[in-house]
Amino acid sequence: MDVFLSLLFIVVLFAFVAGLIKPAWIKQETRGRVLKFYGLGMLVLLLLIGLVADPVEQAPAVAKGVAHEYQVIGKDDTSFAGRKRLRWVITAPTALTQADRAETAKAAAKALQGQTDADLAQVWLEVAPFAAGQGSQLAMATYTPDGCGASGKDCDGKKWDVEASDVQLTQEQMAVWKAWRENRDQFMEDGMVNEERLKSFLANKFGTTPDKITLPWVSREKVSG
């Protein structure tokens, strides 16, 4: 229906323009009559098109994250002369969404920076203590109050760099991952883990097959600071 009305509106518009140039072309006596009839016709058509047109779908609002309680399980100091740089490792089991994980890491970085007056405060939100330092952080937040980066010389004014993951791990995945970390040392051969033997061991432990023993992949995305 809206397509038909749109086409009709175009026809009336052309007739309106033609009538203003020469009323006789559309069998009208004066330009005033053209304005009266065709102008009114276009207004009516515009109203009808607005009534029958499909409503514009609004993009869903992005929920703002909420900072959850966290526990500090580790701390590293990578400071150098003139630049105090500290990193904390935390866990927050109740932060389950990407937005909540980002906000939790940010809140921790802001609070810990305030307590230590660090030039750079970085927080790694880990899945659990057993996964710490494996590159599978659920969120990472770096806060530099002076906007001068890690070096103190790259002063672009950017205070926050935040990444977070929306991955949802099952209890089974967590159990396999933890068991992998706890047992991997006994399957070391020439400085490398014999993964085939470790998978067979864990498969027997969990009552499954070796091909089902996999470690989860945690990927993060940039989040607006």
N, C-alpha and C. Protein backbone atom coordinates (compact mmCIF):
# COMPACT_ATOMS: atom_id res chain seq x y z
N MET A 1 0.82 -1.20 0.00
CA MET A 1 0.00 0.00 0.00
C MET A 1 0.86 1.26 0.00
N ASP A 2 1.91 1.26 0.82
CA ASP A 2 2.76 2.44 0.89
C ASP A 2 3.51 2.67 -0.41
N VAL A 3 3.79 1.59 -1.17
CA VAL A 3 4.46 1.74 -2.47
C VAL A 3 3.52 2.44 -3.45
N PHE A 4 2.25 2.01 -3.46
CA PHE A 4 1.26 2.65 -4.34
C PHE A 4 1.10 4.13 -4.01
N LEU A 5 1.01 4.44 -2.73
CA LEU A 5 0.85 5.84 -2.32
C LEU A 5 2.08 6.67 -2.68
N SER A 6 3.25 6.06 -2.57
CA SER A 6 4.48 6.78 -2.92
C SER A 6 4.51 7.10 -4.41
N LEU A 7 4.12 6.11 -5.24
CA LEU A 7 4.07 6.35 -6.69
C LEU A 7 3.04 7.42 -7.04
N LEU A 8 1.89 7.37 -6.35
CA LEU A 8 0.84 8.37 -6.60
C LEU A 8 1.32 9.76 -6.20
N PHE A 9 2.06 9.82 -5.12
CA PHE A 9 2.60 11.11 -4.67
C PHE A 9 3.55 11.70 -5.72
N ILE A 10 4.37 10.84 -6.33
CA ILE A 10 5.31 11.31 -7.37
C ILE A 10 4.54 11.86 -8.57
N VAL A 11 3.45 11.16 -8.95
CA VAL A 11 2.63 11.62 -10.08
C VAL A 11 2.03 12.99 -9.77
N VAL A 12 1.48 13.12 -8.57
CA VAL A 12 0.87 14.40 -8.18
C VAL A 12 1.92 15.50 -8.09
N LEU A 13 3.10 15.15 -7.62
CA LEU A 13 4.17 16.14 -7.54
C LEU A 13 4.54 16.67 -8.92
N PHE A 14 4.69 15.74 -9.90
CA PHE A 14 5.01 16.18 -11.26
C PHE A 14 3.89 17.06 -11.83
N ALA A 15 2.65 16.67 -11.55
CA ALA A 15 1.53 17.48 -12.03
C ALA A 15 1.53 18.85 -11.37
N PHE A 16 1.87 18.90 -10.10
CA PHE A 16 1.93 20.17 -9.37
C PHE A 16 2.97 21.10 -9.98
N VAL A 17 4.17 20.55 -10.24
CA VAL A 17 5.24 21.37 -10.82
C VAL A 17 4.85 21.84 -12.22
N ALA A 18 4.27 20.90 -13.01
CA ALA A 18 3.86 21.27 -14.37
C ALA A 18 2.78 22.34 -14.34
N GLY A 19 1.85 22.24 -13.39
CA GLY A 19 0.78 23.21 -13.30
C GLY A 19 1.26 24.59 -12.92
N LEU A 20 2.30 24.64 -12.08
CA LEU A 20 2.86 25.93 -11.71
C LEU A 20 3.53 26.59 -12.91
N ILE A 21 4.09 25.76 -13.79
CA ILE A 21 4.72 26.32 -15.00
C ILE A 21 3.64 26.78 -15.98
N LYS A 22 2.67 25.90 -16.23
CA LYS A 22 1.58 26.26 -17.17
C LYS A 22 0.33 25.50 -16.77
N PRO A 23 -0.62 26.16 -16.10
CA PRO A 23 -1.83 25.48 -15.60
C PRO A 23 -2.58 24.70 -16.66
N ALA A 24 -2.56 25.16 -17.89
CA ALA A 24 -3.33 24.48 -18.94
C ALA A 24 -2.83 23.06 -19.18
N TRP A 25 -1.57 22.78 -18.89
CA TRP A 25 -1.02 21.43 -19.09
C TRP A 25 -1.77 20.38 -18.26
N ILE A 26 -2.29 20.78 -17.13
CA ILE A 26 -3.03 19.83 -16.29
C ILE A 26 -4.50 20.24 -16.19
N LYS A 27 -4.94 21.01 -17.20
CA LYS A 27 -6.35 21.40 -17.33
C LYS A 27 -6.85 22.21 -16.15
N GLN A 28 -6.01 23.14 -15.69
CA GLN A 28 -6.41 24.07 -14.66
C GLN A 28 -6.34 25.49 -15.21
N GLU A 29 -7.17 26.37 -14.64
CA GLU A 29 -7.25 27.73 -15.19
C GLU A 29 -6.19 28.65 -14.61
N THR A 30 -5.85 28.48 -13.33
CA THR A 30 -4.89 29.39 -12.68
C THR A 30 -3.91 28.59 -11.81
N ARG A 31 -2.81 29.24 -11.49
CA ARG A 31 -1.83 28.63 -10.59
C ARG A 31 -2.41 28.50 -9.17
N GLY A 32 -3.31 29.39 -8.83
CA GLY A 32 -3.94 29.30 -7.52
C GLY A 32 -4.72 28.02 -7.34
N ARG A 33 -5.43 27.60 -8.39
CA ARG A 33 -6.16 26.35 -8.33
C ARG A 33 -5.19 25.16 -8.26
N VAL A 34 -4.05 25.28 -8.95
CA VAL A 34 -3.02 24.23 -8.87
C VAL A 34 -2.52 24.09 -7.43
N LEU A 35 -2.20 25.20 -6.81
CA LEU A 35 -1.73 25.18 -5.43
C LEU A 35 -2.78 24.59 -4.49
N LYS A 36 -4.06 24.99 -4.75
CA LYS A 36 -5.13 24.55 -3.87
C LYS A 36 -5.37 23.06 -3.96
N PHE A 37 -5.54 22.54 -5.16
CA PHE A 37 -5.92 21.13 -5.31
C PHE A 37 -4.72 20.17 -5.22
N TYR A 38 -3.68 20.48 -5.98
CA TYR A 38 -2.55 19.55 -6.01
C TYR A 38 -1.68 19.67 -4.75
N GLY A 39 -1.57 20.90 -4.24
CA GLY A 39 -0.82 21.07 -2.99
C GLY A 39 -1.50 20.33 -1.85
N LEU A 40 -2.85 20.48 -1.76
CA LEU A 40 -3.59 19.77 -0.74
C LEU A 40 -3.50 18.26 -0.94
N GLY A 41 -3.52 17.83 -2.21
CA GLY A 41 -3.41 16.41 -2.51
C GLY A 41 -2.09 15.82 -2.03
N MET A 42 -1.01 16.56 -2.20
CA MET A 42 0.30 16.07 -1.75
C MET A 42 0.35 15.96 -0.23
N LEU A 43 -0.24 16.93 0.47
CA LEU A 43 -0.26 16.87 1.94
C LEU A 43 -1.03 15.65 2.43
N VAL A 44 -2.18 15.39 1.79
CA VAL A 44 -2.99 14.22 2.18
C VAL A 44 -2.22 12.93 1.93
N LEU A 45 -1.55 12.84 0.79
CA LEU A 45 -0.78 11.64 0.47
C LEU A 45 0.37 11.44 1.45
N LEU A 46 1.04 12.52 1.83
CA LEU A 46 2.13 12.41 2.80
C LEU A 46 1.62 11.87 4.13
N LEU A 47 0.45 12.35 4.56
CA LEU A 47 -0.13 11.86 5.81
C LEU A 47 -0.47 10.37 5.72
N LEU A 48 -1.04 9.98 4.58
CA LEU A 48 -1.40 8.57 4.40
C LEU A 48 -0.15 7.68 4.37
N ILE A 49 0.88 8.15 3.68
CA ILE A 49 2.12 7.37 3.63
C ILE A 49 2.70 7.18 5.02
N GLY A 50 2.63 8.26 5.83
CA GLY A 50 3.14 8.17 7.20
C GLY A 50 2.35 7.19 8.04
N LEU A 51 1.05 7.08 7.77
CA LEU A 51 0.20 6.18 8.55
C LEU A 51 0.42 4.71 8.21
N VAL A 52 0.64 4.42 6.92
CA VAL A 52 0.74 3.02 6.50
C VAL A 52 2.18 2.52 6.44
N ALA A 53 3.15 3.43 6.53
CA ALA A 53 4.56 3.01 6.42
C ALA A 53 4.93 2.12 7.60
N ASP A 54 5.84 1.16 7.36
CA ASP A 54 6.32 0.28 8.42
C ASP A 54 7.09 1.11 9.44
N PRO A 55 6.86 0.86 10.73
CA PRO A 55 7.59 1.62 11.75
C PRO A 55 9.08 1.32 11.69
N VAL A 56 9.88 2.33 11.96
CA VAL A 56 11.34 2.16 11.95
C VAL A 56 11.75 1.43 13.23
N GLU A 57 12.46 0.35 13.04
CA GLU A 57 12.90 -0.42 14.19
C GLU A 57 14.06 0.30 14.88
N GLN A 58 13.90 0.48 16.16
CA GLN A 58 14.94 1.13 16.95
C GLN A 58 15.99 0.10 17.34
N ALA A 59 17.23 0.51 17.26
CA ALA A 59 18.30 -0.38 17.69
C ALA A 59 18.16 -0.64 19.18
N PRO A 60 18.33 -1.87 19.61
CA PRO A 60 18.18 -2.16 21.03
C PRO A 60 19.21 -1.41 21.85
N ALA A 61 18.78 -0.90 22.98
CA ALA A 61 19.69 -0.16 23.85
C ALA A 61 20.72 -1.11 24.45
N VAL A 62 21.95 -0.67 24.48
CA VAL A 62 23.02 -1.48 25.05
C VAL A 62 23.03 -1.28 26.56
N ALA A 63 22.81 -2.37 27.28
CA ALA A 63 22.75 -2.27 28.74
C ALA A 63 24.12 -1.91 29.30
N LYS A 64 24.12 -0.97 30.22
CA LYS A 64 25.37 -0.58 30.85
C LYS A 64 25.73 -1.61 31.89
N GLY A 65 26.99 -1.94 31.94
CA GLY A 65 27.45 -2.94 32.88
C GLY A 65 27.41 -2.47 34.32
N VAL A 66 27.47 -3.43 35.22
CA VAL A 66 27.48 -3.16 36.66
C VAL A 66 28.74 -3.79 37.24
N ALA A 67 29.44 -3.03 38.05
CA ALA A 67 30.66 -3.55 38.69
C ALA A 67 30.28 -4.51 39.82
N HIS A 68 30.92 -5.67 39.83
CA HIS A 68 30.66 -6.68 40.86
C HIS A 68 31.80 -6.72 41.87
N GLU A 69 31.54 -7.38 42.99
CA GLU A 69 32.59 -7.57 43.98
C GLU A 69 33.70 -8.42 43.38
N TYR A 70 34.92 -8.11 43.74
CA TYR A 70 36.07 -8.84 43.19
C TYR A 70 37.06 -9.16 44.31
N GLN A 71 37.94 -10.09 44.00
CA GLN A 71 38.99 -10.47 44.94
C GLN A 71 40.34 -10.38 44.24
N VAL A 72 41.28 -9.70 44.86
CA VAL A 72 42.63 -9.59 44.30
C VAL A 72 43.39 -10.86 44.65
N ILE A 73 43.92 -11.53 43.62
CA ILE A 73 44.65 -12.78 43.86
C ILE A 73 46.12 -12.67 43.44
N GLY A 74 46.52 -11.52 42.93
CA GLY A 74 47.91 -11.36 42.54
C GLY A 74 48.23 -9.92 42.18
N LYS A 75 49.52 -9.60 42.20
CA LYS A 75 49.95 -8.24 41.87
C LYS A 75 51.36 -8.28 41.28
N ASP A 76 51.57 -7.48 40.23
CA ASP A 76 52.89 -7.36 39.60
C ASP A 76 53.28 -5.90 39.52
N ASP A 77 54.57 -5.65 39.65
CA ASP A 77 55.10 -4.30 39.57
C ASP A 77 56.08 -4.22 38.40
N THR A 78 55.73 -3.44 37.38
CA THR A 78 56.61 -3.27 36.22
C THR A 78 57.06 -1.81 36.10
N SER A 79 57.22 -1.19 37.24
CA SER A 79 57.60 0.22 37.27
C SER A 79 59.04 0.41 36.78
N PHE A 80 59.30 1.62 36.33
CA PHE A 80 60.68 2.03 36.05
C PHE A 80 60.82 3.47 36.51
N ALA A 81 62.03 4.00 36.45
CA ALA A 81 62.31 5.33 36.98
C ALA A 81 61.32 6.36 36.44
N GLY A 82 60.57 6.96 37.36
CA GLY A 82 59.65 8.02 36.96
C GLY A 82 58.28 7.56 36.51
N ARG A 83 58.05 6.23 36.50
CA ARG A 83 56.76 5.73 36.03
C ARG A 83 56.34 4.52 36.87
N LYS A 84 55.35 4.73 37.72
CA LYS A 84 54.86 3.67 38.59
C LYS A 84 53.77 2.89 37.87
N ARG A 85 54.07 1.63 37.53
CA ARG A 85 53.14 0.80 36.78
C ARG A 85 52.84 -0.47 37.58
N LEU A 86 51.58 -0.66 37.89
CA LEU A 86 51.18 -1.81 38.69
C LEU A 86 50.07 -2.59 37.99
N ARG A 87 50.09 -3.90 38.16
CA ARG A 87 49.05 -4.76 37.59
C ARG A 87 48.51 -5.68 38.68
N TRP A 88 47.19 -5.75 38.74
CA TRP A 88 46.53 -6.63 39.69
C TRP A 88 45.76 -7.72 38.95
N VAL A 89 45.75 -8.90 39.53
CA VAL A 89 44.97 -10.02 39.01
C VAL A 89 43.80 -10.24 39.95
N ILE A 90 42.59 -10.27 39.40
CA ILE A 90 41.41 -10.40 40.24
C ILE A 90 40.49 -11.50 39.71
N THR A 91 39.56 -11.92 40.53
CA THR A 91 38.47 -12.80 40.11
C THR A 91 37.15 -12.16 40.57
N ALA A 92 36.10 -12.42 39.82
CA ALA A 92 34.77 -11.90 40.16
C ALA A 92 33.75 -12.88 39.59
N PRO A 93 33.48 -13.98 40.27
CA PRO A 93 32.63 -15.05 39.74
C PRO A 93 31.22 -14.62 39.35
N THR A 94 30.72 -13.54 39.94
CA THR A 94 29.34 -13.14 39.64
C THR A 94 29.24 -12.21 38.43
N ALA A 95 30.37 -11.76 37.90
CA ALA A 95 30.36 -10.91 36.70
C ALA A 95 30.29 -11.82 35.48
N LEU A 96 29.11 -11.98 34.92
CA LEU A 96 28.89 -12.98 33.88
C LEU A 96 28.74 -12.41 32.48
N THR A 97 28.40 -11.13 32.35
CA THR A 97 28.22 -10.55 31.02
C THR A 97 29.46 -9.75 30.62
N GLN A 98 29.59 -9.52 29.34
CA GLN A 98 30.72 -8.74 28.85
C GLN A 98 30.74 -7.35 29.48
N ALA A 99 29.57 -6.72 29.54
CA ALA A 99 29.49 -5.37 30.10
C ALA A 99 29.85 -5.36 31.58
N ASP A 100 29.36 -6.35 32.33
CA ASP A 100 29.66 -6.41 33.77
C ASP A 100 31.13 -6.68 34.01
N ARG A 101 31.72 -7.53 33.19
CA ARG A 101 33.14 -7.84 33.36
C ARG A 101 33.99 -6.60 33.08
N ALA A 102 33.62 -5.85 32.05
CA ALA A 102 34.35 -4.62 31.73
C ALA A 102 34.23 -3.61 32.87
N GLU A 103 33.03 -3.43 33.39
CA GLU A 103 32.82 -2.46 34.47
C GLU A 103 33.52 -2.89 35.75
N THR A 104 33.55 -4.20 36.00
CA THR A 104 34.23 -4.70 37.20
C THR A 104 35.73 -4.43 37.12
N ALA A 105 36.32 -4.72 35.96
CA ALA A 105 37.75 -4.47 35.78
C ALA A 105 38.07 -2.98 35.89
N LYS A 106 37.20 -2.14 35.32
CA LYS A 106 37.41 -0.70 35.38
C LYS A 106 37.31 -0.19 36.82
N ALA A 107 36.29 -0.67 37.53
CA ALA A 107 36.12 -0.23 38.92
C ALA A 107 37.32 -0.63 39.77
N ALA A 108 37.82 -1.84 39.55
CA ALA A 108 38.99 -2.30 40.30
C ALA A 108 40.21 -1.45 39.97
N ALA A 109 40.42 -1.18 38.68
CA ALA A 109 41.57 -0.37 38.27
C ALA A 109 41.51 1.03 38.87
N LYS A 110 40.32 1.62 38.86
CA LYS A 110 40.16 2.97 39.41
C LYS A 110 40.42 2.98 40.91
N ALA A 111 39.86 2.00 41.61
CA ALA A 111 40.01 1.94 43.06
C ALA A 111 41.46 1.66 43.47
N LEU A 112 42.09 0.70 42.80
CA LEU A 112 43.45 0.32 43.16
C LEU A 112 44.44 1.41 42.78
N GLN A 113 44.18 2.12 41.69
CA GLN A 113 45.03 3.26 41.35
C GLN A 113 44.94 4.34 42.42
N GLY A 114 43.71 4.55 42.93
CA GLY A 114 43.54 5.55 43.97
C GLY A 114 44.25 5.19 45.25
N GLN A 115 44.34 3.90 45.52
CA GLN A 115 45.01 3.45 46.76
C GLN A 115 46.53 3.53 46.67
N THR A 116 47.06 3.44 45.46
CA THR A 116 48.52 3.35 45.29
C THR A 116 49.13 4.55 44.58
N ASP A 117 48.27 5.40 44.01
CA ASP A 117 48.73 6.55 43.23
C ASP A 117 49.62 6.11 42.06
N ALA A 118 49.27 4.98 41.45
CA ALA A 118 50.04 4.47 40.31
C ALA A 118 49.83 5.35 39.08
N ASP A 119 50.87 5.50 38.28
CA ASP A 119 50.75 6.23 37.02
C ASP A 119 49.98 5.40 36.01
N LEU A 120 50.11 4.09 36.12
CA LEU A 120 49.38 3.15 35.27
C LEU A 120 48.88 2.02 36.14
N ALA A 121 47.57 1.81 36.11
CA ALA A 121 46.96 0.71 36.87
C ALA A 121 46.27 -0.21 35.90
N GLN A 122 46.71 -1.47 35.90
CA GLN A 122 46.13 -2.46 35.00
C GLN A 122 45.50 -3.58 35.81
N VAL A 123 44.33 -4.04 35.36
CA VAL A 123 43.63 -5.13 36.05
C VAL A 123 43.32 -6.23 35.05
N TRP A 124 43.64 -7.46 35.45
CA TRP A 124 43.27 -8.64 34.67
C TRP A 124 42.20 -9.38 35.45
N LEU A 125 41.04 -9.54 34.85
CA LEU A 125 39.97 -10.33 35.45
C LEU A 125 40.07 -11.75 34.91
N GLU A 126 40.43 -12.67 35.80
CA GLU A 126 40.66 -14.06 35.40
C GLU A 126 39.42 -14.92 35.63
N VAL A 127 39.36 -16.04 34.91
CA VAL A 127 38.27 -17.00 35.07
C VAL A 127 38.27 -17.55 36.49
N ALA A 128 39.44 -17.92 36.96
CA ALA A 128 39.62 -18.49 38.29
C ALA A 128 41.12 -18.47 38.59
N PRO A 129 41.51 -18.66 39.85
CA PRO A 129 42.95 -18.64 40.17
C PRO A 129 43.78 -19.62 39.34
N PHE A 130 43.23 -20.81 39.05
CA PHE A 130 44.01 -21.80 38.31
C PHE A 130 44.30 -21.36 36.87
N ALA A 131 43.52 -20.42 36.34
CA ALA A 131 43.71 -19.96 34.96
C ALA A 131 44.54 -18.69 34.85
N ALA A 132 44.99 -18.18 35.97
CA ALA A 132 45.69 -16.89 35.97
C ALA A 132 46.96 -16.94 35.14
N GLY A 133 47.16 -15.89 34.35
CA GLY A 133 48.40 -15.74 33.59
C GLY A 133 48.49 -16.57 32.34
N GLN A 134 47.39 -17.18 31.88
CA GLN A 134 47.41 -18.02 30.70
C GLN A 134 46.92 -17.31 29.44
N GLY A 135 46.66 -16.01 29.56
CA GLY A 135 46.20 -15.26 28.39
C GLY A 135 44.72 -15.42 28.11
N SER A 136 43.97 -15.94 29.08
CA SER A 136 42.54 -16.17 28.88
C SER A 136 41.71 -15.29 29.82
N GLN A 137 42.13 -14.07 29.99
CA GLN A 137 41.42 -13.16 30.89
C GLN A 137 40.02 -12.84 30.36
N LEU A 138 39.06 -12.75 31.26
CA LEU A 138 37.70 -12.38 30.89
C LEU A 138 37.59 -10.88 30.61
N ALA A 139 38.47 -10.12 31.20
CA ALA A 139 38.50 -8.68 30.95
C ALA A 139 39.87 -8.13 31.31
N MET A 140 40.25 -7.06 30.63
CA MET A 140 41.50 -6.36 30.92
C MET A 140 41.22 -4.87 30.87
N ALA A 141 41.60 -4.17 31.91
CA ALA A 141 41.40 -2.72 31.95
C ALA A 141 42.70 -2.04 32.35
N THR A 142 43.11 -1.06 31.56
CA THR A 142 44.31 -0.29 31.86
C THR A 142 43.91 1.16 32.03
N TYR A 143 44.29 1.73 33.17
CA TYR A 143 43.91 3.10 33.52
C TYR A 143 45.16 3.94 33.72
N THR A 144 45.30 4.98 32.92
CA THR A 144 46.41 5.93 33.06
C THR A 144 45.81 7.32 33.26
N PRO A 145 45.73 7.79 34.50
CA PRO A 145 45.08 9.06 34.80
C PRO A 145 45.63 10.26 34.03
N ASP A 146 46.94 10.25 33.72
CA ASP A 146 47.51 11.40 33.00
C ASP A 146 47.40 11.27 31.49
N GLY A 147 46.86 10.14 31.01
CA GLY A 147 46.68 9.96 29.58
C GLY A 147 47.97 9.85 28.80
N CYS A 148 49.02 9.37 29.45
CA CYS A 148 50.34 9.30 28.80
C CYS A 148 50.84 7.87 28.62
N GLY A 149 49.95 6.89 28.65
CA GLY A 149 50.32 5.52 28.30
C GLY A 149 51.30 4.86 29.24
N ALA A 150 51.81 3.71 28.81
CA ALA A 150 52.73 2.93 29.64
C ALA A 150 54.08 3.61 29.79
N SER A 151 54.51 4.33 28.76
CA SER A 151 55.84 4.94 28.79
C SER A 151 55.87 6.27 29.52
N GLY A 152 54.72 6.92 29.61
CA GLY A 152 54.69 8.26 30.18
C GLY A 152 55.02 9.34 29.17
N LYS A 153 55.28 8.93 27.92
CA LYS A 153 55.64 9.88 26.87
C LYS A 153 54.59 9.97 25.76
N ASP A 154 53.77 8.93 25.64
CA ASP A 154 52.74 8.91 24.59
C ASP A 154 51.48 9.59 25.11
N CYS A 155 51.54 10.88 25.25
CA CYS A 155 50.45 11.63 25.88
C CYS A 155 49.37 12.00 24.86
N ASP A 156 48.49 11.05 24.59
CA ASP A 156 47.39 11.29 23.66
C ASP A 156 46.08 11.58 24.39
N GLY A 157 46.15 11.64 25.72
CA GLY A 157 44.97 11.94 26.51
C GLY A 157 44.05 10.76 26.76
N LYS A 158 44.39 9.60 26.23
CA LYS A 158 43.55 8.42 26.41
C LYS A 158 43.84 7.79 27.77
N LYS A 159 42.81 7.76 28.60
CA LYS A 159 42.98 7.27 29.96
C LYS A 159 42.65 5.79 30.12
N TRP A 160 41.77 5.27 29.26
CA TRP A 160 41.29 3.90 29.43
C TRP A 160 41.55 3.04 28.20
N ASP A 161 41.90 1.81 28.44
CA ASP A 161 41.96 0.78 27.41
C ASP A 161 41.31 -0.45 28.02
N VAL A 162 40.15 -0.83 27.49
CA VAL A 162 39.36 -1.89 28.12
C VAL A 162 38.97 -2.94 27.08
N GLU A 163 39.14 -4.21 27.46
CA GLU A 163 38.69 -5.33 26.66
C GLU A 163 37.90 -6.27 27.56
N ALA A 164 36.91 -6.95 26.98
CA ALA A 164 36.14 -7.91 27.77
C ALA A 164 35.59 -8.99 26.87
N SER A 165 35.29 -10.13 27.48
CA SER A 165 34.76 -11.29 26.76
C SER A 165 33.33 -11.57 27.19
N ASP A 166 32.54 -12.08 26.24
CA ASP A 166 31.18 -12.50 26.57
C ASP A 166 31.06 -14.02 26.66
N VAL A 167 32.18 -14.72 26.66
CA VAL A 167 32.16 -16.18 26.69
C VAL A 167 31.48 -16.67 27.97
N GLN A 168 30.70 -17.74 27.83
CA GLN A 168 30.04 -18.35 28.97
C GLN A 168 30.57 -19.78 29.12
N LEU A 169 31.25 -20.04 30.19
CA LEU A 169 31.88 -21.34 30.41
C LEU A 169 30.98 -22.22 31.28
N THR A 170 30.89 -23.48 30.90
CA THR A 170 30.09 -24.43 31.67
C THR A 170 30.92 -24.98 32.83
N GLN A 171 30.24 -25.58 33.78
CA GLN A 171 30.93 -26.20 34.91
C GLN A 171 31.85 -27.32 34.42
N GLU A 172 31.41 -28.05 33.39
CA GLU A 172 32.23 -29.13 32.85
C GLU A 172 33.51 -28.58 32.22
N GLN A 173 33.38 -27.49 31.46
CA GLN A 173 34.57 -26.88 30.86
C GLN A 173 35.55 -26.42 31.94
N MET A 174 35.01 -25.83 32.99
CA MET A 174 35.86 -25.35 34.08
C MET A 174 36.57 -26.51 34.77
N ALA A 175 35.84 -27.60 34.96
CA ALA A 175 36.42 -28.75 35.63
C ALA A 175 37.54 -29.37 34.80
N VAL A 176 37.33 -29.50 33.49
CA VAL A 176 38.35 -30.06 32.61
C VAL A 176 39.58 -29.15 32.58
N TRP A 177 39.35 -27.85 32.47
CA TRP A 177 40.44 -26.88 32.43
C TRP A 177 41.28 -26.95 33.71
N LYS A 178 40.58 -27.00 34.84
CA LYS A 178 41.29 -27.06 36.12
C LYS A 178 42.09 -28.36 36.24
N ALA A 179 41.47 -29.46 35.83
CA ALA A 179 42.17 -30.75 35.90
C ALA A 179 43.38 -30.77 34.97
N TRP A 180 43.26 -30.14 33.83
CA TRP A 180 44.39 -30.04 32.89
C TRP A 180 45.57 -29.34 33.56
N ARG A 181 45.29 -28.21 34.21
CA ARG A 181 46.36 -27.45 34.86
C ARG A 181 46.96 -28.23 36.02
N GLU A 182 46.13 -28.96 36.76
CA GLU A 182 46.61 -29.68 37.94
C GLU A 182 47.44 -30.90 37.57
N ASN A 183 47.22 -31.48 36.38
CA ASN A 183 47.87 -32.75 36.04
C ASN A 183 48.91 -32.64 34.93
N ARG A 184 49.03 -31.48 34.32
CA ARG A 184 49.89 -31.35 33.14
C ARG A 184 51.36 -31.66 33.43
N ASP A 185 51.84 -31.33 34.64
CA ASP A 185 53.27 -31.50 34.94
C ASP A 185 53.71 -32.96 34.88
N GLN A 186 52.80 -33.87 35.20
CA GLN A 186 53.20 -35.29 35.18
C GLN A 186 53.25 -35.87 33.77
N PHE A 187 52.87 -35.06 32.78
CA PHE A 187 52.92 -35.51 31.38
C PHE A 187 53.91 -34.69 30.56
N MET A 188 54.85 -34.06 31.27
CA MET A 188 55.89 -33.29 30.58
C MET A 188 56.95 -34.23 30.02
N GLU A 189 57.32 -34.02 28.77
CA GLU A 189 58.38 -34.81 28.12
C GLU A 189 59.27 -33.85 27.34
N ASP A 190 60.53 -33.77 27.73
CA ASP A 190 61.49 -32.89 27.08
C ASP A 190 61.00 -31.44 27.06
N GLY A 191 60.43 -31.04 28.19
CA GLY A 191 59.97 -29.65 28.33
C GLY A 191 58.65 -29.34 27.66
N MET A 192 57.98 -30.35 27.09
CA MET A 192 56.70 -30.15 26.42
C MET A 192 55.67 -31.10 27.01
N VAL A 193 54.41 -30.65 27.01
CA VAL A 193 53.33 -31.50 27.50
C VAL A 193 52.93 -32.50 26.42
N ASN A 194 52.91 -33.76 26.78
CA ASN A 194 52.40 -34.79 25.87
C ASN A 194 50.87 -34.74 25.96
N GLU A 195 50.27 -33.96 25.08
CA GLU A 195 48.84 -33.72 25.16
C GLU A 195 48.01 -34.97 24.91
N GLU A 196 48.50 -35.85 24.08
CA GLU A 196 47.73 -37.07 23.80
C GLU A 196 47.58 -37.92 25.06
N ARG A 197 48.66 -38.07 25.78
CA ARG A 197 48.60 -38.85 27.02
C ARG A 197 47.75 -38.15 28.07
N LEU A 198 47.90 -36.81 28.15
CA LEU A 198 47.12 -36.05 29.12
C LEU A 198 45.62 -36.12 28.79
N LYS A 199 45.28 -36.04 27.50
CA LYS A 199 43.88 -36.14 27.12
C LYS A 199 43.31 -37.51 27.45
N SER A 200 44.09 -38.55 27.23
CA SER A 200 43.63 -39.91 27.54
C SER A 200 43.39 -40.05 29.04
N PHE A 201 44.31 -39.48 29.82
CA PHE A 201 44.18 -39.53 31.28
C PHE A 201 42.91 -38.82 31.73
N LEU A 202 42.68 -37.62 31.20
CA LEU A 202 41.52 -36.84 31.60
C LEU A 202 40.22 -37.44 31.08
N ALA A 203 40.28 -38.04 29.91
CA ALA A 203 39.09 -38.70 29.36
C ALA A 203 38.65 -39.82 30.29
N ASN A 204 39.60 -40.57 30.79
CA ASN A 204 39.29 -41.65 31.72
C ASN A 204 38.72 -41.09 33.03
N LYS A 205 39.29 -39.96 33.45
CA LYS A 205 38.86 -39.33 34.70
C LYS A 205 37.41 -38.82 34.61
N PHE A 206 37.05 -38.27 33.44
CA PHE A 206 35.73 -37.67 33.27
C PHE A 206 34.74 -38.60 32.55
N GLY A 207 35.18 -39.82 32.25
CA GLY A 207 34.28 -40.77 31.62
C GLY A 207 33.86 -40.38 30.23
N THR A 208 34.82 -39.94 29.43
CA THR A 208 34.51 -39.52 28.07
C THR A 208 35.62 -39.99 27.15
N THR A 209 35.68 -39.45 25.95
CA THR A 209 36.72 -39.82 24.99
C THR A 209 37.72 -38.68 24.84
N PRO A 210 38.96 -39.00 24.46
CA PRO A 210 40.00 -37.96 24.37
C PRO A 210 39.64 -36.79 23.47
N ASP A 211 38.89 -37.04 22.39
CA ASP A 211 38.55 -35.94 21.49
C ASP A 211 37.60 -34.93 22.13
N LYS A 212 37.00 -35.30 23.25
CA LYS A 212 36.09 -34.39 23.96
C LYS A 212 36.84 -33.52 24.97
N ILE A 213 38.09 -33.82 25.17
CA ILE A 213 38.89 -33.05 26.13
C ILE A 213 39.53 -31.87 25.40
N THR A 214 38.94 -30.70 25.56
CA THR A 214 39.45 -29.48 24.93
C THR A 214 39.43 -28.34 25.94
N LEU A 215 40.33 -27.40 25.74
CA LEU A 215 40.36 -26.22 26.59
C LEU A 215 39.56 -25.10 25.92
N PRO A 216 38.80 -24.35 26.69
CA PRO A 216 37.98 -23.28 26.11
C PRO A 216 38.82 -22.14 25.56
N TRP A 217 38.27 -21.48 24.55
CA TRP A 217 38.94 -20.32 23.96
C TRP A 217 38.23 -19.07 24.45
N VAL A 218 38.98 -18.17 25.08
CA VAL A 218 38.41 -16.92 25.60
C VAL A 218 38.93 -15.76 24.76
N SER A 219 38.05 -15.19 23.96
CA SER A 219 38.44 -14.04 23.15
C SER A 219 37.77 -12.78 23.71
N ARG A 220 38.45 -11.65 23.57
CA ARG A 220 37.94 -10.39 24.11
C ARG A 220 37.74 -9.39 22.97
N GLU A 221 36.87 -8.42 23.23
CA GLU A 221 36.64 -7.33 22.29
C GLU A 221 36.89 -6.00 23.00
N LYS A 222 37.26 -5.00 22.21
CA LYS A 222 37.44 -3.66 22.76
C LYS A 222 36.11 -3.14 23.29
N VAL A 223 36.16 -2.54 24.43
CA VAL A 223 34.96 -1.95 25.03
C VAL A 223 35.23 -0.48 25.26
N SER A 224 34.25 0.34 24.96
CA SER A 224 34.42 1.78 25.14
C SER A 224 34.74 2.09 26.58
N GLY A 225 35.79 2.91 26.74
CA GLY A 225 36.17 3.32 28.09
C GLY A 225 35.33 4.46 28.57
